[in-house]
Amino acid sequence: MRRVCFLLKVRQDRITEYRERHAAVWPDMLLALSECGWHNYSLFLRDDGLLVGYLETEDFTAAQEAMAATEVNARWQKDMAPFFEALDGDRPDEAMKPLTEVFHLA
């Protein structure tokens, strides 16, 4: 299993709503993530909007591609895009660039 960590930035004026949306993620989105190979997926949000994502997957590229092929992901990404600053791609999931792991204590 590969551990993947990424950073994004939530707009300061949308932090409260972002938290609310993630307290009630759509059931079909949760199912799609699981079916597409996203495991132990967590999001951590700092008060200034720094978002840290962590997940485990066999193949991150394949997991991203599988999600991109789902209808629910298209709806979710469109709904979530206005929450973020400086996206490197058209959608938040395209801006998830894995950080390089430099240490791990098992």
PDB file of N, CA and C in Angstrom:
ATOM      1  N   MET A   1       0.840  -1.185   0.000  1.00  0.00           N
ATOM      2  CA  MET A   1       0.000   0.000   0.000  1.00  0.00           C
ATOM      3  C   MET A   1       0.883   1.246   0.000  1.00  0.00           C
ATOM      4  N   ARG A   2       0.586   2.165  -0.856  1.00  0.00           N
ATOM      5  CA  ARG A   2       1.311   3.434  -0.905  1.00  0.00           C
ATOM      6  C   ARG A   2       0.579   4.465  -0.053  1.00  0.00           C
ATOM      7  N   ARG A   3       1.324   5.204   0.756  1.00  0.00           N
ATOM      8  CA  ARG A   3       0.762   6.313   1.525  1.00  0.00           C
ATOM      9  C   ARG A   3       0.914   7.577   0.688  1.00  0.00           C
ATOM     10  N   VAL A   4      -0.157   8.345   0.575  1.00  0.00           N
ATOM     11  CA  VAL A   4      -0.147   9.563  -0.229  1.00  0.00           C
ATOM     12  C   VAL A   4      -0.603  10.722   0.650  1.00  0.00           C
ATOM     13  N   CYS A   5       0.148  11.809   0.609  1.00  0.00           N
ATOM     14  CA  CYS A   5      -0.218  13.022   1.332  1.00  0.00           C
ATOM     15  C   CYS A   5      -0.180  14.181   0.348  1.00  0.00           C
ATOM     16  N   PHE A   6      -1.146  15.093   0.459  1.00  0.00           N
ATOM     17  CA  PHE A   6      -1.194  16.253  -0.427  1.00  0.00           C
ATOM     18  C   PHE A   6      -1.701  17.467   0.337  1.00  0.00           C
ATOM     19  N   LEU A   7      -1.448  18.638  -0.212  1.00  0.00           N
ATOM     20  CA  LEU A   7      -1.892  19.901   0.377  1.00  0.00           C
ATOM     21  C   LEU A   7      -2.760  20.660  -0.607  1.00  0.00           C
ATOM     22  N   LEU A   8      -3.793  21.296  -0.087  1.00  0.00           N
ATOM     23  CA  LEU A   8      -4.603  22.242  -0.846  1.00  0.00           C
ATOM     24  C   LEU A   8      -4.909  23.408   0.093  1.00  0.00           C
ATOM     25  N   LYS A   9      -5.467  24.472  -0.427  1.00  0.00           N
ATOM     26  CA  LYS A   9      -5.787  25.643   0.389  1.00  0.00           C
ATOM     27  C   LYS A   9      -7.257  25.990   0.216  1.00  0.00           C
ATOM     28  N   VAL A  10      -8.012  25.904   1.311  1.00  0.00           N
ATOM     29  CA  VAL A  10      -9.427  26.266   1.317  1.00  0.00           C
ATOM     30  C   VAL A  10      -9.525  27.777   1.535  1.00  0.00           C
ATOM     31  N   ARG A  11     -10.385  28.406   0.780  1.00  0.00           N
ATOM     32  CA  ARG A  11     -10.591  29.853   0.924  1.00  0.00           C
ATOM     33  C   ARG A  11     -11.062  30.163   2.339  1.00  0.00           C
ATOM     34  N   GLN A  12     -10.507  31.198   2.924  1.00  0.00           N
ATOM     35  CA  GLN A  12     -10.812  31.578   4.309  1.00  0.00           C
ATOM     36  C   GLN A  12     -12.314  31.781   4.529  1.00  0.00           C
ATOM     37  N   ASP A  13     -12.994  32.383   3.565  1.00  0.00           N
ATOM     38  CA  ASP A  13     -14.420  32.665   3.724  1.00  0.00           C
ATOM     39  C   ASP A  13     -15.308  31.438   3.502  1.00  0.00           C
ATOM     40  N   ARG A  14     -14.718  30.281   3.182  1.00  0.00           N
ATOM     41  CA  ARG A  14     -15.506  29.069   2.922  1.00  0.00           C
ATOM     42  C   ARG A  14     -15.189  27.924   3.891  1.00  0.00           C
ATOM     43  N   ILE A  15     -14.321  28.180   4.881  1.00  0.00           N
ATOM     44  CA  ILE A  15     -13.877  27.118   5.785  1.00  0.00           C
ATOM     45  C   ILE A  15     -15.030  26.477   6.540  1.00  0.00           C
ATOM     46  N   THR A  16     -15.917  27.256   7.099  1.00  0.00           N
ATOM     47  CA  THR A  16     -17.038  26.703   7.870  1.00  0.00           C
ATOM     48  C   THR A  16     -17.912  25.815   6.991  1.00  0.00           C
ATOM     49  N   GLU A  17     -18.249  26.291   5.816  1.00  0.00           N
ATOM     50  CA  GLU A  17     -19.081  25.497   4.914  1.00  0.00           C
ATOM     51  C   GLU A  17     -18.350  24.248   4.431  1.00  0.00           C
ATOM     52  N   TYR A  18     -17.046  24.358   4.206  1.00  0.00           N
ATOM     53  CA  TYR A  18     -16.267  23.200   3.785  1.00  0.00           C
ATOM     54  C   TYR A  18     -16.341  22.105   4.854  1.00  0.00           C
ATOM     55  N   ARG A  19     -16.185  22.487   6.101  1.00  0.00           N
ATOM     56  CA  ARG A  19     -16.295  21.517   7.199  1.00  0.00           C
ATOM     57  C   ARG A  19     -17.686  20.883   7.224  1.00  0.00           C
ATOM     58  N   GLU A  20     -18.708  21.698   7.050  1.00  0.00           N
ATOM     59  CA  GLU A  20     -20.086  21.184   7.048  1.00  0.00           C
ATOM     60  C   GLU A  20     -20.303  20.185   5.920  1.00  0.00           C
ATOM     61  N   ARG A  21     -19.805  20.489   4.732  1.00  0.00           N
ATOM     62  CA  ARG A  21     -19.973  19.594   3.588  1.00  0.00           C
ATOM     63  C   ARG A  21     -19.303  18.243   3.842  1.00  0.00           C
ATOM     64  N   HIS A  22     -18.166  18.261   4.517  1.00  0.00           N
ATOM     65  CA  HIS A  22     -17.446  17.018   4.761  1.00  0.00           C
ATOM     66  C   HIS A  22     -17.970  16.259   5.978  1.00  0.00           C
ATOM     67  N   ALA A  23     -18.847  16.877   6.724  1.00  0.00           N
ATOM     68  CA  ALA A  23     -19.529  16.160   7.802  1.00  0.00           C
ATOM     69  C   ALA A  23     -20.664  15.308   7.233  1.00  0.00           C
ATOM     70  N   ALA A  24     -21.003  15.560   5.972  1.00  0.00           N
ATOM     71  CA  ALA A  24     -22.108  14.840   5.332  1.00  0.00           C
ATOM     72  C   ALA A  24     -21.775  14.547   3.870  1.00  0.00           C
ATOM     73  N   VAL A  25     -20.661  13.852   3.640  1.00  0.00           N
ATOM     74  CA  VAL A  25     -20.270  13.489   2.276  1.00  0.00           C
ATOM     75  C   VAL A  25     -21.325  12.551   1.694  1.00  0.00           C
ATOM     76  N   TRP A  26     -21.663  12.761   0.443  1.00  0.00           N
ATOM     77  CA  TRP A  26     -22.689  11.952  -0.217  1.00  0.00           C
ATOM     78  C   TRP A  26     -22.348  10.465  -0.127  1.00  0.00           C
ATOM     79  N   PRO A  27     -23.319   9.635   0.191  1.00  0.00           N
ATOM     80  CA  PRO A  27     -23.070   8.187   0.266  1.00  0.00           C
ATOM     81  C   PRO A  27     -22.502   7.605  -1.031  1.00  0.00           C
ATOM     82  N   ASP A  28     -22.976   8.079  -2.189  1.00  0.00           N
ATOM     83  CA  ASP A  28     -22.457   7.537  -3.443  1.00  0.00           C
ATOM     84  C   ASP A  28     -21.009   7.975  -3.700  1.00  0.00           C
ATOM     85  N   MET A  29     -20.603   9.116  -3.129  1.00  0.00           N
ATOM     86  CA  MET A  29     -19.206   9.535  -3.232  1.00  0.00           C
ATOM     87  C   MET A  29     -18.331   8.646  -2.354  1.00  0.00           C
ATOM     88  N   LEU A  30     -18.784   8.355  -1.156  1.00  0.00           N
ATOM     89  CA  LEU A  30     -18.040   7.478  -0.252  1.00  0.00           C
ATOM     90  C   LEU A  30     -17.862   6.093  -0.874  1.00  0.00           C
ATOM     91  N   LEU A  31     -18.923   5.581  -1.473  1.00  0.00           N
ATOM     92  CA  LEU A  31     -18.862   4.265  -2.117  1.00  0.00           C
ATOM     93  C   LEU A  31     -17.875   4.278  -3.292  1.00  0.00           C
ATOM     94  N   ALA A  32     -17.938   5.320  -4.102  1.00  0.00           N
ATOM     95  CA  ALA A  32     -17.034   5.409  -5.256  1.00  0.00           C
ATOM     96  C   ALA A  32     -15.575   5.459  -4.807  1.00  0.00           C
ATOM     97  N   LEU A  33     -15.282   6.235  -3.781  1.00  0.00           N
ATOM     98  CA  LEU A  33     -13.905   6.299  -3.287  1.00  0.00           C
ATOM     99  C   LEU A  33     -13.415   4.916  -2.873  1.00  0.00           C
ATOM    100  N   SER A  34     -14.221   4.213  -2.117  1.00  0.00           N
ATOM    101  CA  SER A  34     -13.843   2.866  -1.669  1.00  0.00           C
ATOM    102  C   SER A  34     -13.654   1.920  -2.850  1.00  0.00           C
ATOM    103  N   GLU A  35     -14.591   1.947  -3.782  1.00  0.00           N
ATOM    104  CA  GLU A  35     -14.521   1.041  -4.933  1.00  0.00           C
ATOM    105  C   GLU A  35     -13.335   1.364  -5.848  1.00  0.00           C
ATOM    106  N   CYS A  36     -12.890   2.610  -5.841  1.00  0.00           N
ATOM    107  CA  CYS A  36     -11.793   3.031  -6.718  1.00  0.00           C
ATOM    108  C   CYS A  36     -10.423   2.905  -6.056  1.00  0.00           C
ATOM    109  N   GLY A  37     -10.383   2.358  -4.846  1.00  0.00           N
ATOM    110  CA  GLY A  37      -9.098   2.070  -4.219  1.00  0.00           C
ATOM    111  C   GLY A  37      -8.554   3.115  -3.268  1.00  0.00           C
ATOM    112  N   TRP A  38      -9.406   4.000  -2.774  1.00  0.00           N
ATOM    113  CA  TRP A  38      -8.988   5.002  -1.791  1.00  0.00           C
ATOM    114  C   TRP A  38      -9.261   4.421  -0.405  1.00  0.00           C
ATOM    115  N   HIS A  39      -8.219   4.230   0.383  1.00  0.00           N
ATOM    116  CA  HIS A  39      -8.355   3.630   1.711  1.00  0.00           C
ATOM    117  C   HIS A  39      -7.742   4.551   2.765  1.00  0.00           C
ATOM    118  N   ASN A  40      -8.282   4.467   3.983  1.00  0.00           N
ATOM    119  CA  ASN A  40      -7.784   5.289   5.105  1.00  0.00           C
ATOM    120  C   ASN A  40      -7.629   6.747   4.675  1.00  0.00           C
ATOM    121  N   TYR A  41      -8.632   7.255   3.981  1.00  0.00           N
ATOM    122  CA  TYR A  41      -8.594   8.613   3.446  1.00  0.00           C
ATOM    123  C   TYR A  41      -9.035   9.587   4.531  1.00  0.00           C
ATOM    124  N   SER A  42      -8.186  10.560   4.821  1.00  0.00           N
ATOM    125  CA  SER A  42      -8.478  11.577   5.826  1.00  0.00           C
ATOM    126  C   SER A  42      -8.150  12.953   5.279  1.00  0.00           C
ATOM    127  N   LEU A  43      -8.899  13.938   5.730  1.00  0.00           N
ATOM    128  CA  LEU A  43      -8.614  15.340   5.448  1.00  0.00           C
ATOM    129  C   LEU A  43      -8.467  16.062   6.780  1.00  0.00           C
ATOM    130  N   PHE A  44      -7.431  16.879   6.891  1.00  0.00           N
ATOM    131  CA  PHE A  44      -7.179  17.674   8.088  1.00  0.00           C
ATOM    132  C   PHE A  44      -7.168  19.133   7.659  1.00  0.00           C
ATOM    133  N   LEU A  45      -7.915  19.980   8.376  1.00  0.00           N
ATOM    134  CA  LEU A  45      -8.047  21.381   7.976  1.00  0.00           C
ATOM    135  C   LEU A  45      -7.601  22.301   9.108  1.00  0.00           C
ATOM    136  N   ARG A  46      -6.609  23.122   8.814  1.00  0.00           N
ATOM    137  CA  ARG A  46      -6.126  24.101   9.775  1.00  0.00           C
ATOM    138  C   ARG A  46      -7.014  25.345   9.695  1.00  0.00           C
ATOM    139  N   ASP A  47      -7.031  26.143  10.758  1.00  0.00           N
ATOM    140  CA  ASP A  47      -7.892  27.324  10.817  1.00  0.00           C
ATOM    141  C   ASP A  47      -7.603  28.355   9.731  1.00  0.00           C
ATOM    142  N   ASP A  48      -6.397  28.354   9.177  1.00  0.00           N
ATOM    143  CA  ASP A  48      -6.072  29.313   8.115  1.00  0.00           C
ATOM    144  C   ASP A  48      -6.416  28.780   6.725  1.00  0.00           C
ATOM    145  N   GLY A  49      -7.004  27.575   6.659  1.00  0.00           N
ATOM    146  CA  GLY A  49      -7.433  27.018   5.384  1.00  0.00           C
ATOM    147  C   GLY A  49      -6.495  25.984   4.787  1.00  0.00           C
ATOM    148  N   LEU A  50      -5.342  25.750   5.416  1.00  0.00           N
ATOM    149  CA  LEU A  50      -4.450  24.715   4.895  1.00  0.00           C
ATOM    150  C   LEU A  50      -5.118  23.357   5.072  1.00  0.00           C
ATOM    151  N   LEU A  51      -5.268  22.645   3.973  1.00  0.00           N
ATOM    152  CA  LEU A  51      -5.894  21.329   3.974  1.00  0.00           C
ATOM    153  C   LEU A  51      -4.826  20.279   3.696  1.00  0.00           C
ATOM    154  N   VAL A  52      -4.726  19.306   4.581  1.00  0.00           N
ATOM    155  CA  VAL A  52      -3.802  18.195   4.418  1.00  0.00           C
ATOM    156  C   VAL A  52      -4.629  16.948   4.174  1.00  0.00           C
ATOM    157  N   GLY A  53      -4.377  16.292   3.050  1.00  0.00           N
ATOM    158  CA  GLY A  53      -5.072  15.052   2.733  1.00  0.00           C
ATOM    159  C   GLY A  53      -4.118  13.877   2.848  1.00  0.00           C
ATOM    160  N   TYR A  54      -4.645  12.754   3.315  1.00  0.00           N
ATOM    161  CA  TYR A  54      -3.857  11.529   3.445  1.00  0.00           C
ATOM    162  C   TYR A  54      -4.725  10.354   3.012  1.00  0.00           C
ATOM    163  N   LEU A  55      -4.128   9.454   2.238  1.00  0.00           N
ATOM    164  CA  LEU A  55      -4.827   8.233   1.862  1.00  0.00           C
ATOM    165  C   LEU A  55      -3.816   7.135   1.613  1.00  0.00           C
ATOM    166  N   GLU A  56      -4.320   5.931   1.561  1.00  0.00           N
ATOM    167  CA  GLU A  56      -3.507   4.781   1.203  1.00  0.00           C
ATOM    168  C   GLU A  56      -4.165   4.113   0.007  1.00  0.00           C
ATOM    169  N   THR A  57      -3.333   3.682  -0.941  1.00  0.00           N
ATOM    170  CA  THR A  57      -3.846   3.063  -2.160  1.00  0.00           C
ATOM    171  C   THR A  57      -2.747   2.225  -2.802  1.00  0.00           C
ATOM    172  N   GLU A  58      -3.142   1.261  -3.569  1.00  0.00           N
ATOM    173  CA  GLU A  58      -2.164   0.445  -4.299  1.00  0.00           C
ATOM    174  C   GLU A  58      -1.487   1.259  -5.394  1.00  0.00           C
ATOM    175  N   ASP A  59      -2.264   2.085  -6.090  1.00  0.00           N
ATOM    176  CA  ASP A  59      -1.754   2.848  -7.233  1.00  0.00           C
ATOM    177  C   ASP A  59      -2.523   4.167  -7.292  1.00  0.00           C
ATOM    178  N   PHE A  60      -1.871   5.255  -6.888  1.00  0.00           N
ATOM    179  CA  PHE A  60      -2.554   6.539  -6.802  1.00  0.00           C
ATOM    180  C   PHE A  60      -3.061   7.018  -8.157  1.00  0.00           C
ATOM    181  N   THR A  61      -2.260   6.877  -9.186  1.00  0.00           N
ATOM    182  CA  THR A  61      -2.690   7.299 -10.524  1.00  0.00           C
ATOM    183  C   THR A  61      -3.926   6.525 -10.955  1.00  0.00           C
ATOM    184  N   ALA A  62      -3.923   5.217 -10.755  1.00  0.00           N
ATOM    185  CA  ALA A  62      -5.083   4.396 -11.124  1.00  0.00           C
ATOM    186  C   ALA A  62      -6.301   4.773 -10.287  1.00  0.00           C
ATOM    187  N   ALA A  63      -6.101   5.055  -9.001  1.00  0.00           N
ATOM    188  CA  ALA A  63      -7.215   5.444  -8.129  1.00  0.00           C
ATOM    189  C   ALA A  63      -7.804   6.780  -8.574  1.00  0.00           C
ATOM    190  N   GLN A  64      -6.944   7.723  -8.948  1.00  0.00           N
ATOM    191  CA  GLN A  64      -7.422   9.013  -9.459  1.00  0.00           C
ATOM    192  C   GLN A  64      -8.188   8.835 -10.773  1.00  0.00           C
ATOM    193  N   GLU A  65      -7.636   8.042 -11.665  1.00  0.00           N
ATOM    194  CA  GLU A  65      -8.289   7.817 -12.957  1.00  0.00           C
ATOM    195  C   GLU A  65      -9.634   7.127 -12.793  1.00  0.00           C
ATOM    196  N   ALA A  66      -9.706   6.166 -11.884  1.00  0.00           N
ATOM    197  CA  ALA A  66     -10.972   5.472 -11.640  1.00  0.00           C
ATOM    198  C   ALA A  66     -12.026   6.444 -11.106  1.00  0.00           C
ATOM    199  N   MET A  67     -11.619   7.320 -10.202  1.00  0.00           N
ATOM    200  CA  MET A  67     -12.570   8.311  -9.681  1.00  0.00           C
ATOM    201  C   MET A  67     -12.989   9.293 -10.767  1.00  0.00           C
ATOM    202  N   ALA A  68     -12.047   9.710 -11.594  1.00  0.00           N
ATOM    203  CA  ALA A  68     -12.356  10.673 -12.659  1.00  0.00           C
ATOM    204  C   ALA A  68     -13.387  10.120 -13.636  1.00  0.00           C
ATOM    205  N   ALA A  69     -13.474   8.805 -13.719  1.00  0.00           N
ATOM    206  CA  ALA A  69     -14.422   8.170 -14.639  1.00  0.00           C
ATOM    207  C   ALA A  69     -15.825   8.037 -14.051  1.00  0.00           C
ATOM    208  N   THR A  70     -16.003   8.420 -12.779  1.00  0.00           N
ATOM    209  CA  THR A  70     -17.326   8.285 -12.159  1.00  0.00           C
ATOM    210  C   THR A  70     -18.135   9.563 -12.301  1.00  0.00           C
ATOM    211  N   GLU A  71     -19.419   9.398 -12.424  1.00  0.00           N
ATOM    212  CA  GLU A  71     -20.331  10.545 -12.531  1.00  0.00           C
ATOM    213  C   GLU A  71     -20.382  11.319 -11.223  1.00  0.00           C
ATOM    214  N   VAL A  72     -20.374  10.617 -10.099  1.00  0.00           N
ATOM    215  CA  VAL A  72     -20.474  11.284  -8.800  1.00  0.00           C
ATOM    216  C   VAL A  72     -19.262  12.173  -8.550  1.00  0.00           C
ATOM    217  N   ASN A  73     -18.095  11.747  -9.000  1.00  0.00           N
ATOM    218  CA  ASN A  73     -16.903  12.568  -8.818  1.00  0.00           C
ATOM    219  C   ASN A  73     -16.996  13.864  -9.613  1.00  0.00           C
ATOM    220  N   ALA A  74     -17.521  13.794 -10.812  1.00  0.00           N
ATOM    221  CA  ALA A  74     -17.689  15.013 -11.614  1.00  0.00           C
ATOM    222  C   ALA A  74     -18.589  16.015 -10.882  1.00  0.00           C
ATOM    223  N   ARG A  75     -19.679  15.515 -10.317  1.00  0.00           N
ATOM    224  CA  ARG A  75     -20.584  16.396  -9.560  1.00  0.00           C
ATOM    225  C   ARG A  75     -19.909  16.961  -8.313  1.00  0.00           C
ATOM    226  N   TRP A  76     -19.188  16.099  -7.576  1.00  0.00           N
ATOM    227  CA  TRP A  76     -18.528  16.520  -6.340  1.00  0.00           C
ATOM    228  C   TRP A  76     -17.443  17.558  -6.625  1.00  0.00           C
ATOM    229  N   GLN A  77     -16.611  17.318  -7.633  1.00  0.00           N
ATOM    230  CA  GLN A  77     -15.529  18.247  -7.953  1.00  0.00           C
ATOM    231  C   GLN A  77     -16.076  19.603  -8.388  1.00  0.00           C
ATOM    232  N   LYS A  78     -17.139  19.599  -9.159  1.00  0.00           N
ATOM    233  CA  LYS A  78     -17.760  20.856  -9.582  1.00  0.00           C
ATOM    234  C   LYS A  78     -18.291  21.621  -8.373  1.00  0.00           C
ATOM    235  N   ASP A  79     -18.879  20.898  -7.436  1.00  0.00           N
ATOM    236  CA  ASP A  79     -19.438  21.498  -6.229  1.00  0.00           C
ATOM    237  C   ASP A  79     -18.348  22.027  -5.297  1.00  0.00           C
ATOM    238  N   MET A  80     -17.207  21.354  -5.245  1.00  0.00           N
ATOM    239  CA  MET A  80     -16.136  21.713  -4.313  1.00  0.00           C
ATOM    240  C   MET A  80     -15.153  22.746  -4.861  1.00  0.00           C
ATOM    241  N   ALA A  81     -15.039  22.883  -6.163  1.00  0.00           N
ATOM    242  CA  ALA A  81     -14.038  23.778  -6.759  1.00  0.00           C
ATOM    243  C   ALA A  81     -14.061  25.207  -6.188  1.00  0.00           C
ATOM    244  N   PRO A  82     -15.223  25.819  -5.963  1.00  0.00           N
ATOM    245  CA  PRO A  82     -15.224  27.192  -5.451  1.00  0.00           C
ATOM    246  C   PRO A  82     -14.656  27.347  -4.039  1.00  0.00           C
ATOM    247  N   PHE A  83     -14.429  26.254  -3.350  1.00  0.00           N
ATOM    248  CA  PHE A  83     -13.910  26.319  -1.986  1.00  0.00           C
ATOM    249  C   PHE A  83     -12.397  26.535  -1.935  1.00  0.00           C
ATOM    250  N   PHE A  84     -11.694  26.332  -3.051  1.00  0.00           N
ATOM    251  CA  PHE A  84     -10.238  26.296  -3.029  1.00  0.00           C
ATOM    252  C   PHE A  84      -9.581  27.508  -3.664  1.00  0.00           C
ATOM    253  N   GLU A  85      -8.383  27.817  -3.157  1.00  0.00           N
ATOM    254  CA  GLU A  85      -7.508  28.841  -3.741  1.00  0.00           C
ATOM    255  C   GLU A  85      -6.509  28.160  -4.663  1.00  0.00           C
ATOM    256  N   ALA A  86      -6.096  28.844  -5.702  1.00  0.00           N
ATOM    257  CA  ALA A  86      -4.954  28.472  -6.536  1.00  0.00           C
ATOM    258  C   ALA A  86      -4.887  26.998  -6.921  1.00  0.00           C
ATOM    259  N   LEU A  87      -5.918  26.504  -7.560  1.00  0.00           N
ATOM    260  CA  LEU A  87      -5.881  25.125  -8.034  1.00  0.00           C
ATOM    261  C   LEU A  87      -4.956  25.015  -9.237  1.00  0.00           C
ATOM    262  N   ASP A  88      -4.149  23.973  -9.248  1.00  0.00           N
ATOM    263  CA  ASP A  88      -3.230  23.762 -10.368  1.00  0.00           C
ATOM    264  C   ASP A  88      -3.946  23.140 -11.568  1.00  0.00           C
ATOM    265  N   GLY A  89      -5.124  22.586 -11.347  1.00  0.00           N
ATOM    266  CA  GLY A  89      -5.898  21.975 -12.419  1.00  0.00           C
ATOM    267  C   GLY A  89      -7.275  22.591 -12.458  1.00  0.00           C
ATOM    268  N   ASP A  90      -8.111  22.066 -13.316  1.00  0.00           N
ATOM    269  CA  ASP A  90      -9.472  22.582 -13.417  1.00  0.00           C
ATOM    270  C   ASP A  90     -10.338  22.148 -12.243  1.00  0.00           C
ATOM    271  N   ARG A  91      -9.994  21.017 -11.625  1.00  0.00           N
ATOM    272  CA  ARG A  91     -10.780  20.479 -10.515  1.00  0.00           C
ATOM    273  C   ARG A  91      -9.866  20.260  -9.314  1.00  0.00           C
ATOM    274  N   PRO A  92     -10.440  20.270  -8.092  1.00  0.00           N
ATOM    275  CA  PRO A  92      -9.614  20.026  -6.914  1.00  0.00           C
ATOM    276  C   PRO A  92      -8.860  18.698  -6.972  1.00  0.00           C
ATOM    277  N   ASP A  93      -9.469  17.651  -7.498  1.00  0.00           N
ATOM    278  CA  ASP A  93      -8.791  16.351  -7.530  1.00  0.00           C
ATOM    279  C   ASP A  93      -7.594  16.347  -8.483  1.00  0.00           C
ATOM    280  N   GLU A  94      -7.582  17.260  -9.448  1.00  0.00           N
ATOM    281  CA  GLU A  94      -6.441  17.372 -10.357  1.00  0.00           C
ATOM    282  C   GLU A  94      -5.282  18.132  -9.702  1.00  0.00           C
ATOM    283  N   ALA A  95      -5.573  18.876  -8.656  1.00  0.00           N
ATOM    284  CA  ALA A  95      -4.558  19.670  -7.971  1.00  0.00           C
ATOM    285  C   ALA A  95      -3.898  18.908  -6.819  1.00  0.00           C
ATOM    286  N   MET A  96      -4.318  17.683  -6.603  1.00  0.00           N
ATOM    287  CA  MET A  96      -3.767  16.866  -5.518  1.00  0.00           C
ATOM    288  C   MET A  96      -2.420  16.296  -5.954  1.00  0.00           C
ATOM    289  N   LYS A  97      -1.365  17.015  -5.658  1.00  0.00           N
ATOM    290  CA  LYS A  97      -0.006  16.595  -6.019  1.00  0.00           C
ATOM    291  C   LYS A  97       0.637  15.948  -4.796  1.00  0.00           C
ATOM    292  N   PRO A  98       0.964  14.664  -4.862  1.00  0.00           N
ATOM    293  CA  PRO A  98       1.542  13.992  -3.692  1.00  0.00           C
ATOM    294  C   PRO A  98       2.851  14.625  -3.232  1.00  0.00           C
ATOM    295  N   LEU A  99       2.986  14.735  -1.924  1.00  0.00           N
ATOM    296  CA  LEU A  99       4.235  15.197  -1.320  1.00  0.00           C
ATOM    297  C   LEU A  99       5.206  14.015  -1.292  1.00  0.00           C
ATOM    298  N   THR A 100       6.478  14.318  -1.262  1.00  0.00           N
ATOM    299  CA  THR A 100       7.493  13.279  -1.169  1.00  0.00           C
ATOM    300  C   THR A 100       7.671  12.893   0.294  1.00  0.00           C
ATOM    301  N   GLU A 101       7.518  11.612   0.569  1.00  0.00           N
ATOM    302  CA  GLU A 101       7.719  11.129   1.937  1.00  0.00           C
ATOM    303  C   GLU A 101       9.210  11.071   2.229  1.00  0.00           C
ATOM    304  N   VAL A 102       9.620  11.678   3.334  1.00  0.00           N
ATOM    305  CA  VAL A 102      11.035  11.678   3.689  1.00  0.00           C
ATOM    306  C   VAL A 102      11.310  10.886   4.970  1.00  0.00           C
ATOM    307  N   PHE A 103      10.256  10.488   5.689  1.00  0.00           N
ATOM    308  CA  PHE A 103      10.437   9.695   6.901  1.00  0.00           C
ATOM    309  C   PHE A 103       9.138   8.994   7.243  1.00  0.00           C
ATOM    310  N   HIS A 104       9.267   7.774   7.748  1.00  0.00           N
ATOM    311  CA  HIS A 104       8.098   7.016   8.211  1.00  0.00           C
ATOM    312  C   HIS A 104       8.535   6.096   9.340  1.00  0.00           C
ATOM    313  N   LEU A 105       7.840   6.154  10.457  1.00  0.00           N
ATOM    314  CA  LEU A 105       8.078   5.249  11.571  1.00  0.00           C
ATOM    315  C   LEU A 105       6.922   4.282  11.618  1.00  0.00           C
ATOM    316  N   ALA A 106       7.171   3.035  11.336  1.00  0.00           N
ATOM    317  CA  ALA A 106       6.115   2.012  11.318  1.00  0.00           C
ATOM    318  C   ALA A 106       5.921   1.411  12.698  1.00  0.00           C
TER     319      ALA A 106
END
